[in-house]
N, C-alpha and C. Protein backbone atom coordinates (compact mmCIF):
# COMPACT_ATOMS: atom_id res chain seq x y z
N MET A 1 0.69 -1.27 0.01
CA MET A 1 -0.24 -0.03 0.20
C MET A 1 0.69 1.07 -0.05
N PRO A 2 1.80 1.34 -1.11
CA PRO A 2 2.64 2.42 -1.13
C PRO A 2 1.51 4.03 -1.28
N ASN A 3 2.13 4.71 -0.23
CA ASN A 3 1.35 6.08 -0.29
C ASN A 3 0.42 6.31 0.69
N ASP A 4 -0.16 4.93 1.24
CA ASP A 4 -1.44 5.08 2.38
C ASP A 4 -0.98 6.10 3.88
N PRO A 5 -2.17 7.27 3.70
CA PRO A 5 -1.90 7.89 4.34
C PRO A 5 -2.02 7.02 5.81
N LYS A 6 -2.09 5.75 5.93
CA LYS A 6 -2.91 5.38 7.66
C LYS A 6 -1.33 5.06 7.64
N ILE A 7 -0.43 4.59 7.36
CA ILE A 7 1.03 4.36 7.57
C ILE A 7 1.66 5.41 8.47
N ASP A 8 1.98 4.80 9.53
CA ASP A 8 2.94 5.80 11.03
C ASP A 8 3.89 5.99 10.24
N ASP A 9 4.24 7.22 10.66
CA ASP A 9 5.82 7.78 9.62
C ASP A 9 6.79 7.52 10.37
N HIS A 10 6.67 7.13 11.41
CA HIS A 10 7.89 6.93 12.71
C HIS A 10 8.34 7.92 13.06
N GLY A 11 7.61 9.14 13.35
CA GLY A 11 8.27 10.26 13.73
C GLY A 11 8.92 10.63 12.59
N GLY A 12 8.48 10.73 11.25
CA GLY A 12 8.98 11.53 9.83
C GLY A 12 10.34 11.34 9.79
N GLY A 13 11.29 10.20 10.13
CA GLY A 13 12.50 9.94 10.12
C GLY A 13 13.20 9.34 8.95
N TYR A 14 14.02 8.60 8.93
CA TYR A 14 14.45 7.44 8.00
C TYR A 14 13.44 6.64 7.25
N ILE A 15 13.40 5.69 8.56
CA ILE A 15 11.79 4.59 8.15
C ILE A 15 10.66 5.15 8.08
N GLY A 16 10.32 6.18 8.37
CA GLY A 16 8.90 6.71 8.17
C GLY A 16 8.63 7.26 6.58
N ARG A 17 10.00 7.78 5.92
CA ARG A 17 10.09 8.15 4.43
C ARG A 17 10.07 6.75 3.69
N ILE A 18 10.53 5.81 4.09
CA ILE A 18 10.63 4.45 3.57
C ILE A 18 9.11 4.06 3.37
N ARG A 19 8.63 3.85 4.49
CA ARG A 19 7.06 3.32 4.94
C ARG A 19 6.43 4.06 3.96
N LYS A 20 6.34 5.66 3.56
CA LYS A 20 5.55 5.75 3.11
C LYS A 20 5.69 5.91 1.34
N HIS A 21 6.31 4.57 1.14
CA HIS A 21 6.74 3.97 -0.45
C HIS A 21 6.44 2.87 -0.40
N VAL A 22 6.81 2.00 0.57
CA VAL A 22 6.64 0.63 0.76
C VAL A 22 5.24 -0.12 1.49
N GLY A 23 4.84 0.99 2.18
CA GLY A 23 3.63 0.33 3.33
C GLY A 23 4.59 -0.42 4.29
N ARG A 24 3.19 -1.32 4.51
CA ARG A 24 3.74 -1.95 5.89
C ARG A 24 4.59 -3.40 5.67
N GLN A 25 5.01 -3.28 4.11
CA GLN A 25 5.69 -4.83 4.01
C GLN A 25 7.21 -4.83 4.73
N LEU A 26 7.38 -5.93 4.59
CA LEU A 26 8.74 -6.35 5.51
C LEU A 26 9.86 -5.66 5.19
N LEU A 27 10.63 -5.03 6.14
CA LEU A 27 12.20 -3.90 5.89
C LEU A 27 13.06 -4.30 6.89
N HIS A 28 14.39 -4.74 5.81
CA HIS A 28 15.44 -4.96 6.58
C HIS A 28 15.85 -3.91 7.26
N VAL A 29 16.35 -3.42 8.83
CA VAL A 29 16.52 -2.19 9.25
C VAL A 29 17.95 -2.53 9.98
N PRO A 30 18.71 -1.85 9.92
CA PRO A 30 19.75 -1.63 10.63
C PRO A 30 19.41 -0.97 11.61
N GLY A 31 19.82 -1.40 12.93
CA GLY A 31 19.20 -0.75 14.37
C GLY A 31 20.32 -1.02 15.26
N ALA A 32 20.62 0.00 16.41
CA ALA A 32 21.31 0.26 17.59
C ALA A 32 20.72 0.26 18.91
N VAL A 33 21.10 -0.61 19.71
CA VAL A 33 20.77 -0.73 20.87
C VAL A 33 21.58 -0.68 22.20
N MET A 34 21.30 0.16 23.32
CA MET A 34 22.04 0.38 24.16
C MET A 34 21.18 -0.05 25.64
N VAL A 35 22.67 -0.64 26.15
CA VAL A 35 22.19 -1.41 27.73
C VAL A 35 23.25 -0.40 28.47
N ILE A 36 22.23 0.66 29.64
CA ILE A 36 23.18 1.26 30.74
C ILE A 36 23.08 0.70 31.73
N GLU A 37 24.31 0.39 32.26
CA GLU A 37 24.53 -0.28 33.58
C GLU A 37 24.74 1.09 34.42
N ASN A 38 24.12 1.01 35.44
CA ASN A 38 24.76 1.67 36.56
C ASN A 38 25.69 1.30 37.44
N GLU A 39 26.06 2.25 38.72
CA GLU A 39 27.10 1.66 39.52
C GLU A 39 26.89 0.80 40.32
N ASP A 40 25.28 0.38 40.03
CA ASP A 40 25.29 -0.94 41.18
C ASP A 40 24.83 -1.90 40.67
N GLY A 41 25.27 -1.93 39.18
CA GLY A 41 24.92 -3.16 38.61
C GLY A 41 23.53 -3.34 37.75
N ALA A 42 22.55 -2.38 38.04
CA ALA A 42 21.63 -2.39 37.67
C ALA A 42 21.36 -1.64 35.90
N LEU A 43 20.37 -2.24 34.92
CA LEU A 43 19.81 -2.04 33.81
C LEU A 43 18.92 -1.13 33.47
N LEU A 44 18.85 -0.14 32.52
CA LEU A 44 17.72 0.71 32.60
C LEU A 44 17.22 -0.07 31.52
N LEU A 45 15.83 -0.34 32.26
CA LEU A 45 14.85 -0.80 30.91
C LEU A 45 13.69 0.88 30.87
N GLN A 46 13.09 0.60 29.43
CA GLN A 46 12.07 1.34 29.04
C GLN A 46 10.72 0.21 28.90
N LYS A 47 9.67 0.83 29.53
CA LYS A 47 8.31 0.04 28.95
C LYS A 47 8.03 0.81 27.80
N ARG A 48 7.74 -0.21 26.66
CA ARG A 48 7.79 0.55 25.52
C ARG A 48 6.04 0.89 25.24
N SER A 49 5.71 1.92 24.56
CA SER A 49 4.57 2.12 24.25
C SER A 49 3.67 1.36 23.12
N ASP A 50 4.20 0.75 22.02
CA ASP A 50 3.67 0.09 20.86
C ASP A 50 3.37 -1.13 21.91
N PHE A 51 4.15 -2.16 22.64
CA PHE A 51 4.07 -3.67 22.88
C PHE A 51 3.57 -3.72 24.48
N GLY A 52 3.68 -2.36 25.16
CA GLY A 52 3.71 -2.34 26.75
C GLY A 52 4.24 -3.60 27.60
N LEU A 53 5.32 -3.90 26.79
CA LEU A 53 6.39 -4.63 27.75
C LEU A 53 7.97 -3.81 27.59
N TRP A 54 8.70 -4.39 28.95
CA TRP A 54 10.26 -3.64 28.83
C TRP A 54 11.28 -3.90 27.76
N GLY A 55 11.90 -3.16 27.44
CA GLY A 55 13.32 -3.14 26.22
C GLY A 55 14.25 -2.46 26.70
N PHE A 56 15.19 -2.20 25.58
CA PHE A 56 16.31 -1.32 25.85
C PHE A 56 16.53 -0.55 25.01
N PRO A 57 16.47 0.94 25.47
CA PRO A 57 16.48 1.88 23.92
C PRO A 57 17.30 1.72 22.96
N GLY A 58 16.54 2.12 22.00
CA GLY A 58 16.96 1.66 20.45
C GLY A 58 16.39 1.91 19.15
N GLY A 59 16.89 1.90 18.32
CA GLY A 59 16.05 2.19 16.91
C GLY A 59 16.71 2.27 15.58
N GLY A 60 16.08 2.71 14.60
CA GLY A 60 16.74 3.01 13.63
C GLY A 60 17.70 4.16 13.14
N PRO A 61 18.44 4.24 12.29
CA PRO A 61 19.45 5.36 12.17
C PRO A 61 18.45 6.45 11.19
N GLU A 62 18.95 7.75 11.50
CA GLU A 62 18.87 8.86 10.68
C GLU A 62 20.17 9.48 9.70
N ASP A 63 19.76 9.72 9.00
CA ASP A 63 21.13 10.17 7.66
C ASP A 63 21.85 10.67 8.44
N GLY A 64 23.13 10.16 7.64
CA GLY A 64 24.55 10.50 8.74
C GLY A 64 25.38 10.08 9.60
N GLU A 65 24.62 9.07 10.50
CA GLU A 65 24.72 8.63 11.52
C GLU A 65 25.33 7.24 11.47
N ASP A 66 26.92 7.13 12.43
CA ASP A 66 27.34 5.83 12.63
C ASP A 66 26.29 5.28 13.52
N ALA A 67 26.90 3.91 13.72
CA ALA A 67 26.07 3.10 14.78
C ALA A 67 26.11 3.50 16.19
N ALA A 68 27.36 4.37 16.71
CA ALA A 68 27.38 4.73 18.20
C ALA A 68 26.67 5.97 18.11
N GLN A 69 26.59 7.02 17.21
CA GLN A 69 25.87 7.92 17.26
C GLN A 69 24.27 7.91 17.05
N GLN A 70 23.99 6.69 16.45
CA GLN A 70 22.52 6.23 16.43
C GLN A 70 21.96 5.97 18.03
N ALA A 71 22.86 4.96 18.11
CA ALA A 71 22.48 4.38 19.60
C ALA A 71 22.35 5.62 20.78
N ILE A 72 23.16 6.44 20.60
CA ILE A 72 22.94 7.74 21.38
C ILE A 72 22.31 8.77 21.39
N ARG A 73 21.87 8.61 20.20
CA ARG A 73 20.80 9.90 19.81
C ARG A 73 19.05 9.12 20.07
N GLU A 74 19.17 7.82 19.99
CA GLU A 74 18.01 6.69 20.17
C GLU A 74 18.07 6.48 21.75
N THR A 75 18.62 6.79 22.51
CA THR A 75 18.64 6.41 24.25
C THR A 75 18.38 7.93 24.68
N ARG A 76 19.07 8.61 24.09
CA ARG A 76 18.89 10.41 24.21
C ARG A 76 17.24 10.43 24.26
N GLU A 77 16.89 10.29 22.76
CA GLU A 77 15.20 10.56 22.72
C GLU A 77 14.27 9.66 23.70
N GLU A 78 14.67 8.21 23.79
CA GLU A 78 13.68 7.45 24.50
C GLU A 78 14.00 7.71 26.22
N THR A 79 14.96 8.25 26.86
CA THR A 79 15.27 8.07 28.05
C THR A 79 15.94 9.45 28.52
N GLY A 80 16.11 10.49 27.93
CA GLY A 80 16.61 11.87 28.27
C GLY A 80 18.26 11.60 28.40
N LEU A 81 18.66 10.53 28.75
CA LEU A 81 20.33 10.56 29.26
C LEU A 81 20.76 10.37 27.83
N ILE A 82 22.31 11.05 28.33
CA ILE A 82 22.88 11.29 27.12
C ILE A 82 24.24 10.14 27.69
N ALA A 83 24.19 9.34 26.49
CA ALA A 83 25.29 7.75 26.90
C ALA A 83 26.50 8.02 26.45
N ARG A 84 27.57 8.07 27.22
CA ARG A 84 29.23 8.02 26.89
C ARG A 84 29.90 6.77 26.65
N ASP A 85 30.97 6.94 25.55
CA ASP A 85 31.49 5.86 25.34
C ASP A 85 31.10 4.69 25.10
N PRO A 86 29.80 4.34 24.29
CA PRO A 86 29.42 3.34 23.95
C PRO A 86 30.51 2.28 23.23
N LYS A 87 30.36 0.76 23.76
CA LYS A 87 30.85 -0.07 23.11
C LYS A 87 29.99 -1.11 23.05
N ALA A 88 30.25 -1.84 21.49
CA ALA A 88 29.74 -3.02 21.06
C ALA A 88 30.00 -4.22 21.85
N PHE A 89 28.77 -4.74 22.25
CA PHE A 89 29.09 -6.20 22.90
C PHE A 89 28.39 -7.57 21.83
N GLY A 90 27.83 -7.11 20.97
CA GLY A 90 27.04 -7.95 20.31
C GLY A 90 26.42 -7.71 18.85
N PHE A 91 25.54 -8.53 18.08
CA PHE A 91 25.04 -8.02 17.04
C PHE A 91 23.96 -9.26 16.79
N ALA A 92 22.53 -8.95 16.80
CA ALA A 92 21.67 -9.90 17.00
C ALA A 92 20.76 -9.46 15.69
N SER A 93 20.52 -10.41 14.60
CA SER A 93 20.01 -10.59 13.77
C SER A 93 18.70 -11.75 13.40
N ASN A 94 18.86 -12.46 14.37
CA ASN A 94 17.98 -13.94 14.13
C ASN A 94 16.71 -13.50 13.73
N PRO A 95 16.13 -13.94 12.65
CA PRO A 95 14.68 -13.70 12.02
C PRO A 95 14.01 -14.36 12.98
N ASP A 96 13.97 -15.29 14.13
CA ASP A 96 13.22 -16.23 14.95
C ASP A 96 12.65 -15.35 15.76
N TYR A 97 13.52 -13.98 16.03
CA TYR A 97 12.90 -13.16 17.28
C TYR A 97 13.19 -11.69 16.92
N GLN A 98 13.98 -11.34 15.68
CA GLN A 98 14.54 -10.14 15.27
C GLN A 98 13.17 -9.70 14.04
N GLU A 99 12.23 -10.33 13.97
CA GLU A 99 11.64 -10.14 12.71
C GLU A 99 10.20 -10.60 13.11
N PHE A 100 9.19 -9.10 13.49
CA PHE A 100 7.88 -9.22 13.93
C PHE A 100 7.13 -7.77 13.15
N ARG A 101 6.08 -7.95 13.51
CA ARG A 101 5.17 -6.94 13.25
C ARG A 101 4.78 -6.33 14.50
N TYR A 102 4.69 -4.68 14.46
CA TYR A 102 4.36 -3.86 15.24
C TYR A 102 2.97 -3.80 15.40
N PRO A 103 2.05 -2.83 16.30
CA PRO A 103 0.81 -3.21 16.52
C PRO A 103 -0.17 -2.87 15.18
N ASN A 104 1.05 -1.88 14.58
CA ASN A 104 0.09 -1.50 13.37
C ASN A 104 0.25 -1.33 12.42
N GLY A 105 0.96 -2.83 12.60
CA GLY A 105 1.12 -4.02 11.20
C GLY A 105 2.41 -3.76 10.36
N ASP A 106 2.81 -2.60 10.60
CA ASP A 106 4.44 -2.44 10.18
C ASP A 106 5.50 -3.70 10.38
N HIS A 107 6.13 -4.46 9.14
CA HIS A 107 7.01 -5.57 9.18
C HIS A 107 8.05 -5.20 9.13
N CYS A 108 8.67 -5.45 10.25
CA CYS A 108 10.13 -5.30 10.28
C CYS A 108 11.19 -6.56 10.65
N HIS A 109 12.25 -6.70 10.12
CA HIS A 109 13.52 -7.47 10.65
C HIS A 109 14.23 -6.56 11.02
N TYR A 110 14.86 -6.25 12.18
CA TYR A 110 16.03 -5.45 12.27
C TYR A 110 17.52 -6.48 12.41
N HIS A 111 18.50 -5.76 12.21
CA HIS A 111 19.57 -6.18 12.23
C HIS A 111 20.71 -5.14 13.23
N ASP A 112 20.43 -5.52 14.49
CA ASP A 112 20.64 -4.61 15.42
C ASP A 112 22.11 -4.71 16.20
N ILE A 113 23.09 -3.50 16.29
CA ILE A 113 24.40 -3.73 17.20
C ILE A 113 24.22 -3.61 18.22
N LEU A 114 24.50 -4.48 19.28
CA LEU A 114 24.19 -4.29 20.68
C LEU A 114 25.53 -3.42 21.33
N MET A 115 25.02 -2.11 22.16
CA MET A 115 26.14 -1.46 22.77
C MET A 115 25.83 -1.51 23.83
N TYR A 116 26.66 -1.04 24.84
CA TYR A 116 26.80 -0.84 26.29
C TYR A 116 27.41 0.35 26.88
N THR A 117 27.05 0.72 27.97
CA THR A 117 27.71 1.88 28.26
C THR A 117 27.60 1.94 30.09
N THR A 118 28.60 2.25 31.02
CA THR A 118 28.51 2.98 31.97
C THR A 118 28.52 3.96 32.76
N ALA A 119 28.74 4.87 31.44
CA ALA A 119 29.00 6.54 31.32
C ALA A 119 27.81 7.15 30.87
N TYR A 120 27.26 7.86 31.54
CA TYR A 120 26.00 8.62 31.27
C TYR A 120 25.72 9.82 32.05
N GLU A 121 25.07 10.71 31.45
CA GLU A 121 24.38 11.61 31.99
C GLU A 121 23.07 12.42 31.59
N GLY A 122 22.17 13.08 32.71
CA GLY A 122 21.23 13.54 32.15
C GLY A 122 20.03 12.81 33.28
N GLU A 123 19.19 13.14 33.26
CA GLU A 123 17.94 12.81 33.88
C GLU A 123 17.09 12.15 33.22
N LEU A 124 16.29 10.80 33.67
CA LEU A 124 15.07 10.22 32.92
C LEU A 124 14.37 11.25 32.40
N THR A 125 13.46 11.17 31.28
CA THR A 125 12.54 11.80 30.81
C THR A 125 11.80 10.86 29.93
N LEU A 126 10.53 10.83 29.87
CA LEU A 126 9.76 9.77 29.02
C LEU A 126 9.40 10.78 27.88
N ASN A 127 9.27 9.84 26.59
CA ASN A 127 8.55 10.35 25.42
C ASN A 127 7.56 9.49 25.08
N GLU A 128 7.10 9.63 24.06
CA GLU A 128 5.66 8.79 23.48
C GLU A 128 6.01 7.79 23.16
N GLU A 129 7.57 7.23 23.38
CA GLU A 129 7.95 5.85 22.75
C GLU A 129 7.89 4.78 24.30
N SER A 130 7.97 5.67 25.57
CA SER A 130 8.33 5.11 26.77
C SER A 130 6.69 5.01 27.54
N LEU A 131 6.84 4.09 28.03
CA LEU A 131 5.51 4.24 29.07
C LEU A 131 5.99 4.47 30.33
N GLU A 132 7.44 3.92 30.85
CA GLU A 132 7.80 3.93 31.87
C GLU A 132 9.62 3.84 31.87
N LEU A 133 10.21 4.17 32.63
CA LEU A 133 11.98 3.87 32.56
C LEU A 133 12.28 3.61 34.08
N ARG A 134 12.93 2.77 34.29
CA ARG A 134 13.84 2.01 35.58
C ARG A 134 14.65 1.18 35.48
N TRP A 135 15.33 1.28 36.55
CA TRP A 135 16.39 0.60 36.83
C TRP A 135 16.06 -0.94 37.47
N PHE A 136 16.41 -2.23 36.74
CA PHE A 136 16.51 -3.23 37.36
C PHE A 136 17.80 -3.99 37.41
N GLN A 137 17.98 -4.32 38.51
CA GLN A 137 18.88 -5.65 38.81
C GLN A 137 18.54 -6.84 37.46
N PRO A 138 19.93 -7.25 36.84
CA PRO A 138 19.54 -8.28 35.72
C PRO A 138 18.95 -9.54 36.39
N ASP A 139 18.89 -9.80 37.39
CA ASP A 139 18.31 -11.01 37.96
C ASP A 139 16.80 -11.00 38.39
N ASP A 140 16.68 -9.84 38.69
CA ASP A 140 15.16 -9.28 38.43
C ASP A 140 14.65 -8.04 37.38
N VAL A 141 14.28 -8.72 36.54
CA VAL A 141 13.48 -7.72 35.54
C VAL A 141 12.31 -8.30 35.34
N PRO A 142 11.56 -7.00 34.81
CA PRO A 142 9.94 -7.58 34.37
C PRO A 142 9.74 -8.45 33.11
N GLU A 143 8.73 -8.52 32.81
CA GLU A 143 8.32 -9.24 31.59
C GLU A 143 8.93 -8.12 30.44
N MET A 144 9.80 -8.74 29.34
CA MET A 144 10.52 -7.98 28.43
C MET A 144 9.90 -8.34 27.37
N THR A 145 10.22 -7.67 26.01
CA THR A 145 10.20 -8.38 24.78
C THR A 145 11.00 -9.12 24.57
N ILE A 146 10.98 -10.23 23.43
CA ILE A 146 11.56 -11.44 23.40
C ILE A 146 12.78 -11.20 22.87
N PRO A 147 13.15 -10.09 21.67
CA PRO A 147 14.52 -9.93 21.48
C PRO A 147 15.07 -8.95 22.61
N ALA A 148 14.67 -8.09 23.45
CA ALA A 148 15.46 -7.79 24.83
C ALA A 148 16.09 -8.67 25.74
N ARG A 149 14.92 -9.71 25.94
CA ARG A 149 15.66 -10.70 26.67
C ARG A 149 16.60 -11.51 26.17
N LYS A 150 16.59 -11.54 24.75
CA LYS A 150 17.97 -12.48 24.25
C LYS A 150 18.95 -11.70 24.22
N MET A 151 19.05 -10.20 24.56
CA MET A 151 20.03 -9.20 24.18
C MET A 151 20.21 -9.06 25.42
N LEU A 152 19.78 -9.07 26.95
CA LEU A 152 19.73 -8.94 28.03
C LEU A 152 20.63 -10.48 28.57
N ASP A 153 20.37 -11.66 28.15
CA ASP A 153 20.71 -12.76 27.68
C ASP A 153 22.53 -12.32 27.77
N ALA A 154 22.66 -11.91 26.04
CA ALA A 154 23.73 -11.94 25.57
C ALA A 154 24.81 -10.85 26.17
N TYR A 155 24.01 -9.92 26.57
CA TYR A 155 25.05 -9.09 27.43
C TYR A 155 25.37 -9.57 28.62
N LEU A 156 24.85 -10.47 29.25
CA LEU A 156 24.91 -11.17 30.67
C LEU A 156 25.94 -12.03 30.07
N ARG A 157 26.06 -12.79 29.25
CA ARG A 157 27.40 -13.95 28.54
C ARG A 157 28.77 -13.26 28.45
N PHE A 158 28.62 -11.93 27.94
CA PHE A 158 29.33 -10.88 27.09
C PHE A 158 30.40 -10.55 28.48
N LYS A 159 29.54 -10.20 29.40
CA LYS A 159 30.08 -9.53 30.91
C LYS A 159 30.89 -10.87 31.47
N GLU A 160 30.25 -12.25 31.18
CA GLU A 160 31.18 -13.24 31.97
C GLU A 160 32.29 -13.76 31.00
N THR A 161 32.19 -13.57 29.95
CA THR A 161 33.12 -14.39 28.84
C THR A 161 33.91 -13.36 28.39
N GLY A 162 33.55 -12.38 27.90
CA GLY A 162 34.40 -11.21 27.07
C GLY A 162 34.01 -11.28 25.47
N GLU A 163 33.50 -12.14 24.93
CA GLU A 163 33.50 -12.47 23.97
C GLU A 163 32.01 -11.90 23.24
N PHE A 164 32.47 -11.48 21.91
CA PHE A 164 31.46 -10.90 21.09
C PHE A 164 29.86 -11.71 20.82
N GLN A 165 28.63 -11.33 21.25
CA GLN A 165 27.80 -12.26 20.87
C GLN A 165 27.29 -11.85 19.36
N LEU A 166 26.79 -13.29 18.86
CA LEU A 166 25.98 -13.12 17.92
C LEU A 166 24.68 -13.73 17.95
N ILE A 167 23.61 -12.95 18.10
CA ILE A 167 22.40 -13.83 18.05
C ILE A 167 21.08 -13.77 17.21
């Protein structure tokens, strides 16, 4: 349904511009996800407004961004925090859990670089993508999206082994 006026423009960014031409059909989307760990070992999660489940901040690229800039921007937009010195710990692209339909019908297969940081500044601030923002210990997280749960498990394996995770 190209040019369907009911297509969500995802805020008018890059993906929104593509959606205006391809409708809801499958898009392969490069993504960046940020795991933020505080000094107590708790991880920042956002309760997503689209699925009502918890996950990590992240999303698609805008023109002229590299993966780190993308992850930093998405984190700032979705949480209010400015992430510093992000490092890659994995890559998620398994279609068994990285391909899904949004409640509005958009079909995406994400290919996400997974990043983490313990350096950040700012105050937690909600936007339209986040119903709630909270810090959780890794062994006491609420119900998460399947991709986010896989990313959490990969982050914990990375911390234990130091090995880059492909999931």
